[in-house]
Amino acid sequence: MYILITYDINTSSDNGQKRLRQVSKCCQDFGQRVQNSVFECLVNNSDYIRLKSKLLSIIDPQTDSIRIYRLGKNYEAKIEHFGIKTSYNVEGELLI
């Protein structure tokens, strides 16, 4: 399943800055950053449940927000990109 994660973490306190770093690191473990607070992730159902659980354990629901968009299987037809392209095809070949 292809998902898009966006988040807004209140960084007015030191603890908020720590939560921001933790949310970012968690998202990087599952996907690719495409904007400052936006990640694209290709996950299976169990990874999705683990990712969501980790994110919910990090944030403060009184001051922070996370949105997860499930784009499904035919995600390529649902994404339009304009401007410089800095991402890669997650299902394409990776040469090292």
PDB file of N, CA and C in Angstrom:
ATOM      1  N   MET A   1       0.851  -1.162   0.000  1.00  0.00           N
ATOM      2  CA  MET A   1       0.000   0.000   0.000  1.00  0.00           C
ATOM      3  C   MET A   1       0.905   1.237   0.000  1.00  0.00           C
ATOM      4  N   TYR A   2       0.528   2.210  -0.781  1.00  0.00           N
ATOM      5  CA  TYR A   2       1.295   3.444  -0.876  1.00  0.00           C
ATOM      6  C   TYR A   2       0.595   4.494  -0.030  1.00  0.00           C
ATOM      7  N   ILE A   3       1.322   5.109   0.897  1.00  0.00           N
ATOM      8  CA  ILE A   3       0.712   6.103   1.778  1.00  0.00           C
ATOM      9  C   ILE A   3       1.501   7.405   1.736  1.00  0.00           C
ATOM     10  N   LEU A   4       0.819   8.472   2.028  1.00  0.00           N
ATOM     11  CA  LEU A   4       1.409   9.796   2.137  1.00  0.00           C
ATOM     12  C   LEU A   4       1.191  10.260   3.572  1.00  0.00           C
ATOM     13  N   ILE A   5       2.269  10.658   4.234  1.00  0.00           N
ATOM     14  CA  ILE A   5       2.186  11.119   5.623  1.00  0.00           C
ATOM     15  C   ILE A   5       2.567  12.590   5.666  1.00  0.00           C
ATOM     16  N   THR A   6       1.723  13.389   6.290  1.00  0.00           N
ATOM     17  CA  THR A   6       2.036  14.796   6.527  1.00  0.00           C
ATOM     18  C   THR A   6       1.916  15.041   8.023  1.00  0.00           C
ATOM     19  N   TYR A   7       2.734  15.932   8.526  1.00  0.00           N
ATOM     20  CA  TYR A   7       2.669  16.200   9.957  1.00  0.00           C
ATOM     21  C   TYR A   7       2.988  17.651  10.262  1.00  0.00           C
ATOM     22  N   ASP A   8       2.455  18.091  11.394  1.00  0.00           N
ATOM     23  CA  ASP A   8       2.701  19.429  11.914  1.00  0.00           C
ATOM     24  C   ASP A   8       2.931  19.270  13.411  1.00  0.00           C
ATOM     25  N   ILE A   9       4.182  19.438  13.821  1.00  0.00           N
ATOM     26  CA  ILE A   9       4.563  19.255  15.217  1.00  0.00           C
ATOM     27  C   ILE A   9       4.847  20.620  15.823  1.00  0.00           C
ATOM     28  N   ASN A  10       4.246  20.906  16.965  1.00  0.00           N
ATOM     29  CA  ASN A  10       4.464  22.174  17.658  1.00  0.00           C
ATOM     30  C   ASN A  10       5.878  22.170  18.238  1.00  0.00           C
ATOM     31  N   THR A  11       6.736  23.051  17.725  1.00  0.00           N
ATOM     32  CA  THR A  11       8.147  23.065  18.141  1.00  0.00           C
ATOM     33  C   THR A  11       8.474  24.247  19.051  1.00  0.00           C
ATOM     34  N   SER A  12       7.485  24.801  19.720  1.00  0.00           N
ATOM     35  CA  SER A  12       7.742  25.952  20.573  1.00  0.00           C
ATOM     36  C   SER A  12       8.470  25.583  21.864  1.00  0.00           C
ATOM     37  N   SER A  13       8.576  24.290  22.139  1.00  0.00           N
ATOM     38  CA  SER A  13       9.317  23.838  23.320  1.00  0.00           C
ATOM     39  C   SER A  13      10.424  22.886  22.896  1.00  0.00           C
ATOM     40  N   ASP A  14      11.366  22.655  23.793  1.00  0.00           N
ATOM     41  CA  ASP A  14      12.439  21.698  23.507  1.00  0.00           C
ATOM     42  C   ASP A  14      11.872  20.309  23.258  1.00  0.00           C
ATOM     43  N   ASN A  15      10.852  19.943  24.020  1.00  0.00           N
ATOM     44  CA  ASN A  15      10.224  18.639  23.838  1.00  0.00           C
ATOM     45  C   ASN A  15       9.565  18.545  22.461  1.00  0.00           C
ATOM     46  N   GLY A  16       9.001  19.648  21.963  1.00  0.00           N
ATOM     47  CA  GLY A  16       8.407  19.661  20.634  1.00  0.00           C
ATOM     48  C   GLY A  16       9.446  19.451  19.551  1.00  0.00           C
ATOM     49  N   GLN A  17      10.610  20.039  19.701  1.00  0.00           N
ATOM     50  CA  GLN A  17      11.686  19.844  18.731  1.00  0.00           C
ATOM     51  C   GLN A  17      12.152  18.392  18.740  1.00  0.00           C
ATOM     52  N   LYS A  18      12.174  17.787  19.929  1.00  0.00           N
ATOM     53  CA  LYS A  18      12.544  16.375  20.036  1.00  0.00           C
ATOM     54  C   LYS A  18      11.504  15.499  19.339  1.00  0.00           C
ATOM     55  N   ARG A  19      10.212  15.802  19.547  1.00  0.00           N
ATOM     56  CA  ARG A  19       9.148  15.038  18.883  1.00  0.00           C
ATOM     57  C   ARG A  19       9.248  15.171  17.372  1.00  0.00           C
ATOM     58  N   LEU A  20       9.567  16.375  16.891  1.00  0.00           N
ATOM     59  CA  LEU A  20       9.711  16.598  15.449  1.00  0.00           C
ATOM     60  C   LEU A  20      10.808  15.704  14.881  1.00  0.00           C
ATOM     61  N   ARG A  21      11.952  15.643  15.555  1.00  0.00           N
ATOM     62  CA  ARG A  21      13.051  14.784  15.086  1.00  0.00           C
ATOM     63  C   ARG A  21      12.643  13.315  15.125  1.00  0.00           C
ATOM     64  N   GLN A  22      11.918  12.913  16.165  1.00  0.00           N
ATOM     65  CA  GLN A  22      11.492  11.518  16.288  1.00  0.00           C
ATOM     66  C   GLN A  22      10.491  11.133  15.200  1.00  0.00           C
ATOM     67  N   VAL A  23       9.543  12.022  14.914  1.00  0.00           N
ATOM     68  CA  VAL A  23       8.562  11.753  13.857  1.00  0.00           C
ATOM     69  C   VAL A  23       9.266  11.656  12.514  1.00  0.00           C
ATOM     70  N   SER A  24      10.172  12.579  12.246  1.00  0.00           N
ATOM     71  CA  SER A  24      10.926  12.557  10.988  1.00  0.00           C
ATOM     72  C   SER A  24      11.711  11.265  10.844  1.00  0.00           C
ATOM     73  N   LYS A  25      12.419  10.855  11.892  1.00  0.00           N
ATOM     74  CA  LYS A  25      13.223   9.628  11.859  1.00  0.00           C
ATOM     75  C   LYS A  25      12.331   8.412  11.641  1.00  0.00           C
ATOM     76  N   CYS A  26      11.210   8.372  12.316  1.00  0.00           N
ATOM     77  CA  CYS A  26      10.277   7.261  12.165  1.00  0.00           C
ATOM     78  C   CYS A  26       9.799   7.156  10.720  1.00  0.00           C
ATOM     79  N   CYS A  27       9.420   8.278  10.128  1.00  0.00           N
ATOM     80  CA  CYS A  27       8.952   8.275   8.736  1.00  0.00           C
ATOM     81  C   CYS A  27      10.070   7.871   7.779  1.00  0.00           C
ATOM     82  N   GLN A  28      11.312   8.311   8.047  1.00  0.00           N
ATOM     83  CA  GLN A  28      12.449   7.945   7.197  1.00  0.00           C
ATOM     84  C   GLN A  28      12.690   6.441   7.231  1.00  0.00           C
ATOM     85  N   ASP A  29      12.378   5.788   8.334  1.00  0.00           N
ATOM     86  CA  ASP A  29      12.554   4.345   8.437  1.00  0.00           C
ATOM     87  C   ASP A  29      11.612   3.579   7.512  1.00  0.00           C
ATOM     88  N   PHE A  30      10.523   4.220   7.098  1.00  0.00           N
ATOM     89  CA  PHE A  30       9.525   3.534   6.286  1.00  0.00           C
ATOM     90  C   PHE A  30       9.378   4.098   4.874  1.00  0.00           C
ATOM     91  N   GLY A  31       9.942   5.278   4.608  1.00  0.00           N
ATOM     92  CA  GLY A  31       9.715   5.872   3.296  1.00  0.00           C
ATOM     93  C   GLY A  31      10.699   6.955   2.953  1.00  0.00           C
ATOM     94  N   GLN A  32      10.275   7.816   2.045  1.00  0.00           N
ATOM     95  CA  GLN A  32      11.124   8.863   1.491  1.00  0.00           C
ATOM     96  C   GLN A  32      10.502  10.234   1.724  1.00  0.00           C
ATOM     97  N   ARG A  33      11.336  11.187   2.185  1.00  0.00           N
ATOM     98  CA  ARG A  33      10.869  12.558   2.358  1.00  0.00           C
ATOM     99  C   ARG A  33      10.703  13.190   0.975  1.00  0.00           C
ATOM    100  N   VAL A  34       9.543  13.817   0.747  1.00  0.00           N
ATOM    101  CA  VAL A  34       9.305  14.510  -0.520  1.00  0.00           C
ATOM    102  C   VAL A  34       9.098  16.007  -0.321  1.00  0.00           C
ATOM    103  N   GLN A  35       8.810  16.426   0.881  1.00  0.00           N
ATOM    104  CA  GLN A  35       8.727  17.821   1.285  1.00  0.00           C
ATOM    105  C   GLN A  35       9.194  17.869   2.732  1.00  0.00           C
ATOM    106  N   ASN A  36       9.318  19.054   3.314  1.00  0.00           N
ATOM    107  CA  ASN A  36       9.835  19.146   4.683  1.00  0.00           C
ATOM    108  C   ASN A  36       9.087  18.255   5.672  1.00  0.00           C
ATOM    109  N   SER A  37       7.793  18.272   5.662  1.00  0.00           N
ATOM    110  CA  SER A  37       6.999  17.465   6.600  1.00  0.00           C
ATOM    111  C   SER A  37       6.072  16.510   5.874  1.00  0.00           C
ATOM    112  N   VAL A  38       6.546  15.977   4.747  1.00  0.00           N
ATOM    113  CA  VAL A  38       5.739  15.065   3.935  1.00  0.00           C
ATOM    114  C   VAL A  38       6.597  13.878   3.510  1.00  0.00           C
ATOM    115  N   PHE A  39       6.075  12.683   3.730  1.00  0.00           N
ATOM    116  CA  PHE A  39       6.767  11.457   3.347  1.00  0.00           C
ATOM    117  C   PHE A  39       5.861  10.579   2.506  1.00  0.00           C
ATOM    118  N   GLU A  40       6.451   9.891   1.533  1.00  0.00           N
ATOM    119  CA  GLU A  40       5.776   8.853   0.768  1.00  0.00           C
ATOM    120  C   GLU A  40       6.354   7.521   1.219  1.00  0.00           C
ATOM    121  N   CYS A  41       5.476   6.562   1.499  1.00  0.00           N
ATOM    122  CA  CYS A  41       5.929   5.267   2.006  1.00  0.00           C
ATOM    123  C   CYS A  41       5.197   4.140   1.285  1.00  0.00           C
ATOM    124  N   LEU A  42       5.940   3.123   0.899  1.00  0.00           N
ATOM    125  CA  LEU A  42       5.360   1.905   0.348  1.00  0.00           C
ATOM    126  C   LEU A  42       5.462   0.841   1.431  1.00  0.00           C
ATOM    127  N   VAL A  43       4.323   0.461   2.011  1.00  0.00           N
ATOM    128  CA  VAL A  43       4.315  -0.433   3.175  1.00  0.00           C
ATOM    129  C   VAL A  43       3.289  -1.543   2.981  1.00  0.00           C
ATOM    130  N   ASN A  44       3.512  -2.642   3.683  1.00  0.00           N
ATOM    131  CA  ASN A  44       2.479  -3.674   3.743  1.00  0.00           C
ATOM    132  C   ASN A  44       1.604  -3.391   4.964  1.00  0.00           C
ATOM    133  N   ASN A  45       0.582  -4.194   5.183  1.00  0.00           N
ATOM    134  CA  ASN A  45      -0.360  -3.913   6.274  1.00  0.00           C
ATOM    135  C   ASN A  45       0.303  -3.922   7.644  1.00  0.00           C
ATOM    136  N   SER A  46       1.198  -4.880   7.891  1.00  0.00           N
ATOM    137  CA  SER A  46       1.825  -4.938   9.213  1.00  0.00           C
ATOM    138  C   SER A  46       2.767  -3.755   9.431  1.00  0.00           C
ATOM    139  N   ASP A  47       3.496  -3.331   8.381  1.00  0.00           N
ATOM    140  CA  ASP A  47       4.347  -2.144   8.506  1.00  0.00           C
ATOM    141  C   ASP A  47       3.500  -0.893   8.743  1.00  0.00           C
ATOM    142  N   TYR A  48       2.358  -0.820   8.072  1.00  0.00           N
ATOM    143  CA  TYR A  48       1.461   0.326   8.257  1.00  0.00           C
ATOM    144  C   TYR A  48       1.002   0.418   9.715  1.00  0.00           C
ATOM    145  N   ILE A  49       0.634  -0.705  10.284  1.00  0.00           N
ATOM    146  CA  ILE A  49       0.175  -0.722  11.675  1.00  0.00           C
ATOM    147  C   ILE A  49       1.307  -0.325  12.612  1.00  0.00           C
ATOM    148  N   ARG A  50       2.526  -0.847  12.375  1.00  0.00           N
ATOM    149  CA  ARG A  50       3.682  -0.490  13.215  1.00  0.00           C
ATOM    150  C   ARG A  50       4.022   0.990  13.100  1.00  0.00           C
ATOM    151  N   LEU A  51       4.030   1.510  11.862  1.00  0.00           N
ATOM    152  CA  LEU A  51       4.342   2.921  11.631  1.00  0.00           C
ATOM    153  C   LEU A  51       3.332   3.816  12.333  1.00  0.00           C
ATOM    154  N   LYS A  52       2.070   3.544  12.149  1.00  0.00           N
ATOM    155  CA  LYS A  52       1.025   4.354  12.769  1.00  0.00           C
ATOM    156  C   LYS A  52       1.122   4.310  14.294  1.00  0.00           C
ATOM    157  N   SER A  53       1.362   3.137  14.837  1.00  0.00           N
ATOM    158  CA  SER A  53       1.492   2.990  16.280  1.00  0.00           C
ATOM    159  C   SER A  53       2.684   3.786  16.813  1.00  0.00           C
ATOM    160  N   LYS A  54       3.821   3.717  16.115  1.00  0.00           N
ATOM    161  CA  LYS A  54       5.006   4.468  16.535  1.00  0.00           C
ATOM    162  C   LYS A  54       4.736   5.966  16.507  1.00  0.00           C
ATOM    163  N   LEU A  55       4.132   6.441  15.415  1.00  0.00           N
ATOM    164  CA  LEU A  55       3.855   7.870  15.298  1.00  0.00           C
ATOM    165  C   LEU A  55       2.913   8.354  16.388  1.00  0.00           C
ATOM    166  N   LEU A  56       1.879   7.572  16.666  1.00  0.00           N
ATOM    167  CA  LEU A  56       0.917   7.967  17.694  1.00  0.00           C
ATOM    168  C   LEU A  56       1.531   7.962  19.087  1.00  0.00           C
ATOM    169  N   SER A  57       2.553   7.135  19.288  1.00  0.00           N
ATOM    170  CA  SER A  57       3.214   7.114  20.595  1.00  0.00           C
ATOM    171  C   SER A  57       4.167   8.296  20.771  1.00  0.00           C
ATOM    172  N   ILE A  58       4.560   8.933  19.677  1.00  0.00           N
ATOM    173  CA  ILE A  58       5.503  10.055  19.736  1.00  0.00           C
ATOM    174  C   ILE A  58       4.794  11.393  19.923  1.00  0.00           C
ATOM    175  N   ILE A  59       3.722  11.611  19.189  1.00  0.00           N
ATOM    176  CA  ILE A  59       3.126  12.951  19.146  1.00  0.00           C
ATOM    177  C   ILE A  59       2.356  13.284  20.422  1.00  0.00           C
ATOM    178  N   ASP A  60       2.131  14.572  20.610  1.00  0.00           N
ATOM    179  CA  ASP A  60       1.243  15.075  21.650  1.00  0.00           C
ATOM    180  C   ASP A  60      -0.053  15.460  20.947  1.00  0.00           C
ATOM    181  N   PRO A  61      -1.112  14.682  21.111  1.00  0.00           N
ATOM    182  CA  PRO A  61      -2.346  14.946  20.364  1.00  0.00           C
ATOM    183  C   PRO A  61      -3.006  16.282  20.696  1.00  0.00           C
ATOM    184  N   GLN A  62      -2.580  16.925  21.771  1.00  0.00           N
ATOM    185  CA  GLN A  62      -3.122  18.231  22.126  1.00  0.00           C
ATOM    186  C   GLN A  62      -2.506  19.355  21.307  1.00  0.00           C
ATOM    187  N   THR A  63      -1.283  19.139  20.773  1.00  0.00           N
ATOM    188  CA  THR A  63      -0.585  20.221  20.061  1.00  0.00           C
ATOM    189  C   THR A  63      -0.088  19.835  18.673  1.00  0.00           C
ATOM    190  N   ASP A  64      -0.009  18.549  18.367  1.00  0.00           N
ATOM    191  CA  ASP A  64       0.552  18.075  17.095  1.00  0.00           C
ATOM    192  C   ASP A  64      -0.529  17.427  16.244  1.00  0.00           C
ATOM    193  N   SER A  65      -0.243  17.288  14.945  1.00  0.00           N
ATOM    194  CA  SER A  65      -1.174  16.553  14.092  1.00  0.00           C
ATOM    195  C   SER A  65      -0.407  15.773  13.032  1.00  0.00           C
ATOM    196  N   ILE A  66      -0.983  14.627  12.686  1.00  0.00           N
ATOM    197  CA  ILE A  66      -0.457  13.774  11.619  1.00  0.00           C
ATOM    198  C   ILE A  66      -1.632  13.397  10.737  1.00  0.00           C
ATOM    199  N   ARG A  67      -1.402  13.455   9.425  1.00  0.00           N
ATOM    200  CA  ARG A  67      -2.415  13.002   8.469  1.00  0.00           C
ATOM    201  C   ARG A  67      -1.789  11.902   7.630  1.00  0.00           C
ATOM    202  N   ILE A  68      -2.520  10.808   7.442  1.00  0.00           N
ATOM    203  CA  ILE A  68      -2.052   9.697   6.611  1.00  0.00           C
ATOM    204  C   ILE A  68      -3.072   9.478   5.504  1.00  0.00           C
ATOM    205  N   TYR A  69      -2.598   9.577   4.279  1.00  0.00           N
ATOM    206  CA  TYR A  69      -3.440   9.357   3.106  1.00  0.00           C
ATOM    207  C   TYR A  69      -3.068   8.003   2.511  1.00  0.00           C
ATOM    208  N   ARG A  70      -4.016   7.113   2.395  1.00  0.00           N
ATOM    209  CA  ARG A  70      -3.772   5.807   1.772  1.00  0.00           C
ATOM    210  C   ARG A  70      -4.121   5.913   0.295  1.00  0.00           C
ATOM    211  N   LEU A  71      -3.084   5.856  -0.547  1.00  0.00           N
ATOM    212  CA  LEU A  71      -3.283   6.023  -1.978  1.00  0.00           C
ATOM    213  C   LEU A  71      -3.586   4.705  -2.685  1.00  0.00           C
ATOM    214  N   GLY A  72      -3.365   3.601  -2.030  1.00  0.00           N
ATOM    215  CA  GLY A  72      -3.736   2.308  -2.580  1.00  0.00           C
ATOM    216  C   GLY A  72      -2.754   1.759  -3.594  1.00  0.00           C
ATOM    217  N   LYS A  73      -3.244   0.816  -4.398  1.00  0.00           N
ATOM    218  CA  LYS A  73      -2.397   0.101  -5.344  1.00  0.00           C
ATOM    219  C   LYS A  73      -2.102   0.899  -6.607  1.00  0.00           C
ATOM    220  N   ASN A  74      -3.053   1.634  -7.103  1.00  0.00           N
ATOM    221  CA  ASN A  74      -2.870   2.384  -8.347  1.00  0.00           C
ATOM    222  C   ASN A  74      -2.420   3.812  -8.058  1.00  0.00           C
ATOM    223  N   TYR A  75      -1.459   3.939  -7.164  1.00  0.00           N
ATOM    224  CA  TYR A  75      -1.031   5.258  -6.695  1.00  0.00           C
ATOM    225  C   TYR A  75      -0.397   6.107  -7.784  1.00  0.00           C
ATOM    226  N   GLU A  76       0.284   5.484  -8.759  1.00  0.00           N
ATOM    227  CA  GLU A  76       0.972   6.278  -9.787  1.00  0.00           C
ATOM    228  C   GLU A  76       0.000   7.155 -10.574  1.00  0.00           C
ATOM    229  N   ALA A  77      -1.215   6.681 -10.776  1.00  0.00           N
ATOM    230  CA  ALA A  77      -2.215   7.453 -11.509  1.00  0.00           C
ATOM    231  C   ALA A  77      -2.793   8.591 -10.655  1.00  0.00           C
ATOM    232  N   LYS A  78      -2.532   8.576  -9.351  1.00  0.00           N
ATOM    233  CA  LYS A  78      -3.090   9.566  -8.444  1.00  0.00           C
ATOM    234  C   LYS A  78      -2.092  10.655  -8.063  1.00  0.00           C
ATOM    235  N   ILE A  79      -0.860  10.568  -8.573  1.00  0.00           N
ATOM    236  CA  ILE A  79       0.180  11.519  -8.196  1.00  0.00           C
ATOM    237  C   ILE A  79       0.579  12.354  -9.399  1.00  0.00           C
ATOM    238  N   GLU A  80       0.553  13.654  -9.244  1.00  0.00           N
ATOM    239  CA  GLU A  80       1.074  14.573 -10.259  1.00  0.00           C
ATOM    240  C   GLU A  80       2.206  15.351  -9.620  1.00  0.00           C
ATOM    241  N   HIS A  81       3.281  15.535 -10.343  1.00  0.00           N
ATOM    242  CA  HIS A  81       4.430  16.261  -9.815  1.00  0.00           C
ATOM    243  C   HIS A  81       4.842  17.331 -10.806  1.00  0.00           C
ATOM    244  N   PHE A  82       5.116  18.526 -10.305  1.00  0.00           N
ATOM    245  CA  PHE A  82       5.540  19.644 -11.144  1.00  0.00           C
ATOM    246  C   PHE A  82       6.813  20.235 -10.553  1.00  0.00           C
ATOM    247  N   GLY A  83       7.710  20.659 -11.381  1.00  0.00           N
ATOM    248  CA  GLY A  83       8.968  21.226 -10.907  1.00  0.00           C
ATOM    249  C   GLY A  83      10.043  20.171 -10.825  1.00  0.00           C
ATOM    250  N   ILE A  84      11.139  20.518 -10.162  1.00  0.00           N
ATOM    251  CA  ILE A  84      12.285  19.619 -10.070  1.00  0.00           C
ATOM    252  C   ILE A  84      11.892  18.315  -9.380  1.00  0.00           C
ATOM    253  N   LYS A  85      12.327  17.224  -9.941  1.00  0.00           N
ATOM    254  CA  LYS A  85      11.999  15.918  -9.382  1.00  0.00           C
ATOM    255  C   LYS A  85      13.206  15.384  -8.628  1.00  0.00           C
ATOM    256  N   THR A  86      13.041  15.238  -7.306  1.00  0.00           N
ATOM    257  CA  THR A  86      14.147  14.769  -6.481  1.00  0.00           C
ATOM    258  C   THR A  86      13.859  13.396  -5.883  1.00  0.00           C
ATOM    259  N   SER A  87      12.765  12.773  -6.272  1.00  0.00           N
ATOM    260  CA  SER A  87      12.417  11.464  -5.710  1.00  0.00           C
ATOM    261  C   SER A  87      12.808  10.361  -6.688  1.00  0.00           C
ATOM    262  N   TYR A  88      12.592   9.146  -6.272  1.00  0.00           N
ATOM    263  CA  TYR A  88      12.869   7.996  -7.112  1.00  0.00           C
ATOM    264  C   TYR A  88      11.672   7.064  -7.089  1.00  0.00           C
ATOM    265  N   ASN A  89      11.631   6.161  -8.043  1.00  0.00           N
ATOM    266  CA  ASN A  89      10.555   5.177  -8.112  1.00  0.00           C
ATOM    267  C   ASN A  89      10.840   4.090  -7.076  1.00  0.00           C
ATOM    268  N   VAL A  90      10.029   3.989  -6.043  1.00  0.00           N
ATOM    269  CA  VAL A  90      10.286   3.050  -4.958  1.00  0.00           C
ATOM    270  C   VAL A  90      10.190   1.602  -5.410  1.00  0.00           C
ATOM    271  N   GLU A  91       9.499   1.364  -6.506  1.00  0.00           N
ATOM    272  CA  GLU A  91       9.373  -0.015  -6.993  1.00  0.00           C
ATOM    273  C   GLU A  91      10.304  -0.277  -8.166  1.00  0.00           C
ATOM    274  N   GLY A  92      11.091   0.724  -8.555  1.00  0.00           N
ATOM    275  CA  GLY A  92      12.037   0.557  -9.651  1.00  0.00           C
ATOM    276  C   GLY A  92      13.313  -0.131  -9.198  1.00  0.00           C
ATOM    277  N   GLU A  93      14.226  -0.307 -10.131  1.00  0.00           N
ATOM    278  CA  GLU A  93      15.504  -0.934  -9.817  1.00  0.00           C
ATOM    279  C   GLU A  93      16.403   0.059  -9.089  1.00  0.00           C
ATOM    280  N   LEU A  94      17.161  -0.463  -8.148  1.00  0.00           N
ATOM    281  CA  LEU A  94      18.084   0.355  -7.379  1.00  0.00           C
ATOM    282  C   LEU A  94      19.497  -0.161  -7.623  1.00  0.00           C
ATOM    283  N   LEU A  95      20.339   0.661  -8.188  1.00  0.00           N
ATOM    284  CA  LEU A  95      21.727   0.284  -8.442  1.00  0.00           C
ATOM    285  C   LEU A  95      22.612   0.860  -7.367  1.00  0.00           C
ATOM    286  N   ILE A  96      23.469   0.037  -6.833  1.00  0.00           N
ATOM    287  CA  ILE A  96      24.388   0.500  -5.780  1.00  0.00           C
ATOM    288  C   ILE A  96      25.813   0.412  -6.273  1.00  0.00           C
TER     289      ILE A  96
END
